[in-house]
N, C-alpha and C. Protein backbone atom coordinates (compact mmCIF):
# COMPACT_ATOMS: atom_id res chain seq x y z
N MET A 1 97.48 218.86 286.43
CA MET A 1 96.42 219.11 285.56
C MET A 1 96.78 218.62 284.20
N ASN A 2 95.93 217.83 283.61
CA ASN A 2 96.32 217.25 282.23
C ASN A 2 95.71 218.25 281.27
N LEU A 3 96.59 218.79 280.38
CA LEU A 3 96.11 219.95 279.43
C LEU A 3 95.48 219.31 278.19
N ASP A 4 95.33 217.91 278.13
CA ASP A 4 94.68 217.35 277.11
C ASP A 4 93.15 217.09 277.43
N SER A 5 92.81 217.27 278.78
CA SER A 5 91.50 217.16 279.21
C SER A 5 90.46 218.05 278.52
N VAL A 6 89.23 217.57 278.22
CA VAL A 6 88.29 218.28 277.57
C VAL A 6 86.95 218.29 278.50
N PHE A 7 86.47 219.45 278.79
CA PHE A 7 85.32 219.63 279.53
C PHE A 7 84.08 220.18 278.78
N THR A 8 82.89 219.99 279.29
CA THR A 8 81.72 220.58 278.58
C THR A 8 80.84 221.27 279.77
N GLN A 9 80.20 222.26 279.39
CA GLN A 9 79.38 223.00 280.40
C GLN A 9 78.19 222.10 280.72
N ASN A 10 77.80 221.94 282.02
CA ASN A 10 76.59 221.12 282.34
C ASN A 10 75.44 221.77 281.83
N SER A 11 74.62 221.04 281.04
CA SER A 11 73.56 221.64 280.29
C SER A 11 72.35 221.79 281.37
N GLU A 12 72.52 221.21 282.65
CA GLU A 12 71.46 221.41 283.74
C GLU A 12 71.65 222.86 284.37
N CYS A 13 72.61 223.60 284.09
CA CYS A 13 73.03 224.96 284.66
C CYS A 13 72.48 226.01 283.91
N PRO A 14 71.34 226.69 284.26
CA PRO A 14 71.07 227.86 283.46
C PRO A 14 72.05 229.02 283.69
N VAL A 15 72.35 229.73 282.37
CA VAL A 15 73.25 230.80 282.42
C VAL A 15 72.67 232.06 281.83
N ARG A 16 73.01 233.10 282.46
CA ARG A 16 72.47 234.45 282.03
C ARG A 16 73.63 235.32 281.79
N SER A 17 73.60 236.02 280.70
CA SER A 17 74.69 237.05 280.44
C SER A 17 74.10 238.44 281.22
N ILE A 18 75.08 238.94 281.98
CA ILE A 18 74.74 240.24 282.51
C ILE A 18 76.05 241.10 282.29
N GLY A 19 75.87 242.20 281.38
CA GLY A 19 77.02 242.92 280.87
C GLY A 19 77.95 242.25 280.29
N ASP A 20 79.23 242.32 280.80
CA ASP A 20 80.35 241.52 280.12
C ASP A 20 80.52 239.97 280.90
N GLY A 21 79.66 239.87 281.94
CA GLY A 21 79.88 238.64 282.64
C GLY A 21 78.60 237.70 282.51
N LEU A 22 78.85 236.66 283.38
CA LEU A 22 77.72 235.53 283.38
C LEU A 22 77.34 235.27 284.73
N VAL A 23 76.02 234.91 284.98
CA VAL A 23 75.58 234.21 286.23
C VAL A 23 75.21 232.80 285.88
N ILE A 24 75.62 231.79 286.55
CA ILE A 24 75.41 230.55 286.27
C ILE A 24 74.84 229.97 287.62
N MET A 25 73.70 229.21 287.47
CA MET A 25 73.06 228.47 288.63
C MET A 25 73.53 227.14 288.66
N ALA A 26 73.84 226.68 289.71
CA ALA A 26 74.24 225.35 290.17
C ALA A 26 73.18 224.33 289.66
N PRO A 27 73.44 223.12 289.43
CA PRO A 27 72.36 222.18 288.93
C PRO A 27 71.28 221.82 290.07
N ASN A 28 71.69 222.10 291.30
CA ASN A 28 70.84 221.81 292.48
C ASN A 28 69.91 223.04 292.60
N GLY A 29 70.13 224.16 291.95
CA GLY A 29 69.31 225.40 292.02
C GLY A 29 69.58 226.14 293.35
N GLU A 30 70.57 225.79 294.07
CA GLU A 30 70.68 226.42 295.40
C GLU A 30 71.70 227.55 295.39
N THR A 31 72.69 227.52 294.42
CA THR A 31 73.68 228.53 294.40
C THR A 31 73.79 229.05 293.00
N THR A 32 74.32 230.36 293.03
CA THR A 32 74.71 230.91 291.79
C THR A 32 76.12 231.31 291.74
N HIS A 33 76.69 231.32 290.63
CA HIS A 33 78.11 231.81 290.46
C HIS A 33 78.31 232.93 289.35
N SER A 34 78.94 233.86 289.88
CA SER A 34 79.16 235.18 288.83
C SER A 34 80.47 234.97 288.25
N LEU A 35 80.63 235.25 286.97
CA LEU A 35 81.79 235.13 286.24
C LEU A 35 82.10 236.49 285.54
N GLU A 36 83.06 237.12 285.82
CA GLU A 36 83.52 238.31 285.21
C GLU A 36 84.60 238.07 284.21
N ASP A 37 84.71 238.96 283.13
CA ASP A 37 85.84 239.04 282.35
C ASP A 37 86.43 237.68 281.94
N ILE A 38 87.60 237.32 282.53
CA ILE A 38 88.33 236.24 282.12
C ILE A 38 87.65 234.88 282.52
N GLY A 39 86.88 234.85 283.60
CA GLY A 39 86.12 233.80 283.92
C GLY A 39 85.00 233.36 282.93
N ALA A 40 84.39 234.51 282.45
CA ALA A 40 83.48 234.32 281.37
C ALA A 40 84.09 233.86 280.17
N PHE A 41 85.20 234.34 279.88
CA PHE A 41 85.93 234.00 278.67
C PHE A 41 86.29 232.53 278.72
N ILE A 42 86.81 231.98 279.85
CA ILE A 42 87.03 230.71 280.05
C ILE A 42 85.71 229.80 279.77
N TRP A 43 84.77 230.20 280.38
CA TRP A 43 83.45 229.54 280.47
C TRP A 43 82.94 229.34 278.89
N ASN A 44 83.10 230.32 278.16
CA ASN A 44 82.72 230.24 276.68
C ASN A 44 83.63 229.36 275.98
N GLN A 45 84.87 229.17 276.45
CA GLN A 45 85.84 228.19 275.79
C GLN A 45 85.54 226.78 276.17
N ILE A 46 84.86 226.53 277.15
CA ILE A 46 84.51 225.20 277.51
C ILE A 46 83.25 224.65 276.70
N ASP A 47 83.62 224.00 275.74
CA ASP A 47 82.51 223.66 274.78
C ASP A 47 82.53 222.14 274.53
N GLY A 48 83.20 221.40 275.12
CA GLY A 48 83.21 219.96 274.79
C GLY A 48 84.26 219.64 273.64
N GLN A 49 84.86 220.67 273.13
CA GLN A 49 85.72 220.37 272.00
C GLN A 49 87.18 220.89 272.33
N ASN A 50 87.27 222.10 272.85
CA ASN A 50 88.65 222.62 273.26
C ASN A 50 89.18 221.96 274.46
N ASN A 51 90.41 221.50 274.35
CA ASN A 51 91.13 220.93 275.50
C ASN A 51 91.68 222.07 276.26
N LEU A 52 92.23 221.70 277.54
CA LEU A 52 92.71 222.82 278.40
C LEU A 52 93.89 223.50 277.76
N GLN A 53 94.79 222.77 276.97
CA GLN A 53 95.84 223.45 276.22
C GLN A 53 95.33 224.56 275.34
N GLN A 54 94.20 224.29 274.55
CA GLN A 54 93.76 225.18 273.65
C GLN A 54 93.10 226.34 274.41
N ILE A 55 92.52 226.14 275.53
CA ILE A 55 91.99 227.36 276.42
C ILE A 55 93.02 228.07 276.95
N LEU A 56 94.09 227.46 277.42
CA LEU A 56 95.28 228.19 277.94
C LEU A 56 95.90 229.03 276.82
N ASP A 57 95.99 228.55 275.58
CA ASP A 57 96.61 229.25 274.54
C ASP A 57 95.70 230.48 274.22
N ALA A 58 94.29 230.28 274.19
CA ALA A 58 93.48 231.49 273.94
C ALA A 58 93.61 232.41 275.10
N ILE A 59 93.76 232.05 276.34
CA ILE A 59 93.89 233.06 277.51
C ILE A 59 95.28 233.89 277.15
N LEU A 60 96.25 233.14 276.80
CA LEU A 60 97.52 233.84 276.44
C LEU A 60 97.48 234.74 275.42
N SER A 61 96.68 234.39 274.41
CA SER A 61 96.64 235.16 273.24
C SER A 61 95.79 236.50 273.54
N ASP A 62 94.73 236.37 274.47
CA ASP A 62 93.72 237.45 274.64
C ASP A 62 94.05 238.43 275.78
N TYR A 63 94.95 237.76 276.74
CA TYR A 63 95.26 238.62 277.97
C TYR A 63 96.72 238.67 278.15
N GLU A 64 97.06 239.81 278.83
CA GLU A 64 98.41 239.97 279.07
C GLU A 64 98.81 239.25 280.59
N ILE A 65 99.14 238.13 280.41
CA ILE A 65 99.41 237.32 281.72
C ILE A 65 100.49 236.24 281.15
N ASP A 66 101.42 236.04 282.18
CA ASP A 66 102.44 234.99 281.87
C ASP A 66 101.86 233.51 281.91
N GLN A 67 102.60 232.58 281.26
CA GLN A 67 102.05 231.34 281.16
C GLN A 67 101.80 230.65 282.50
N SER A 68 102.75 230.76 283.35
CA SER A 68 102.70 229.97 284.73
C SER A 68 101.41 230.42 285.46
N THR A 69 101.29 231.75 285.52
CA THR A 69 100.08 232.37 286.17
C THR A 69 98.80 231.88 285.50
N ALA A 70 98.82 231.97 284.22
CA ALA A 70 97.56 231.62 283.48
C ALA A 70 97.23 230.14 283.72
N GLN A 71 98.28 229.26 283.75
CA GLN A 71 98.05 227.76 284.01
C GLN A 71 97.57 227.59 285.36
N GLU A 72 98.07 228.23 286.36
CA GLU A 72 97.56 228.06 287.67
C GLU A 72 96.22 228.52 287.92
N ASP A 73 95.89 229.71 287.28
CA ASP A 73 94.55 230.29 287.43
C ASP A 73 93.59 229.40 286.70
N LEU A 74 93.83 228.84 285.49
CA LEU A 74 92.88 227.99 284.79
C LEU A 74 92.81 226.53 285.63
N HIS A 75 93.88 226.04 286.15
CA HIS A 75 93.78 224.87 287.07
C HIS A 75 92.67 225.17 288.25
N SER A 76 92.92 226.31 288.94
CA SER A 76 92.03 226.57 290.06
C SER A 76 90.67 226.86 289.49
N PHE A 77 90.30 227.45 288.39
CA PHE A 77 89.00 227.73 287.77
C PHE A 77 88.34 226.40 287.47
N ILE A 78 88.92 225.56 286.77
CA ILE A 78 88.53 224.20 286.52
C ILE A 78 88.09 223.41 287.65
N ASN A 79 88.98 223.46 288.69
CA ASN A 79 88.68 222.66 289.93
C ASN A 79 87.41 223.25 290.68
N GLN A 80 87.28 224.52 290.66
CA GLN A 80 86.13 225.08 291.25
C GLN A 80 84.87 224.74 290.51
N MET A 81 84.87 224.78 289.17
CA MET A 81 83.67 224.54 288.30
C MET A 81 83.38 223.20 288.35
N LYS A 82 84.36 222.31 288.45
CA LYS A 82 84.05 220.84 288.65
C LYS A 82 83.44 220.46 290.09
N ALA A 83 83.93 221.09 291.11
CA ALA A 83 83.44 220.99 292.47
C ALA A 83 82.02 221.48 292.49
N ALA A 84 81.65 222.54 291.87
CA ALA A 84 80.34 223.09 291.92
C ALA A 84 79.38 222.36 290.90
N GLY A 85 79.90 221.39 290.06
CA GLY A 85 79.04 220.69 289.13
C GLY A 85 78.66 221.39 287.99
N LEU A 86 79.40 222.52 287.72
CA LEU A 86 78.95 223.39 286.54
C LEU A 86 79.71 222.83 285.30
N ILE A 87 80.77 222.06 285.24
CA ILE A 87 81.29 221.45 284.15
C ILE A 87 81.44 220.02 284.29
N LEU A 88 81.50 219.22 283.12
CA LEU A 88 81.56 217.81 283.27
C LEU A 88 82.70 217.36 282.32
N THR A 89 83.28 216.22 282.54
CA THR A 89 84.23 215.62 281.59
C THR A 89 83.62 214.75 280.61
């Protein structure tokens, strides 16, 4: 994972806030994705300006998690969001 990579939210995906989480509809309109707590936090950091290192730093600042685990979880999250078409490079 290149920590210099910058992603943006796919503007074709409707997003609804539900409590502390989010529900995001895939661009094809066939599936929804629920994000809780840290997933919603990461989603809100994906703004087309923050690179993955900045997002990782924000996670480490706001959550009690070690860097290795945070980096692996961020990598997995980004791959899932890309595969679902929810984020773009």
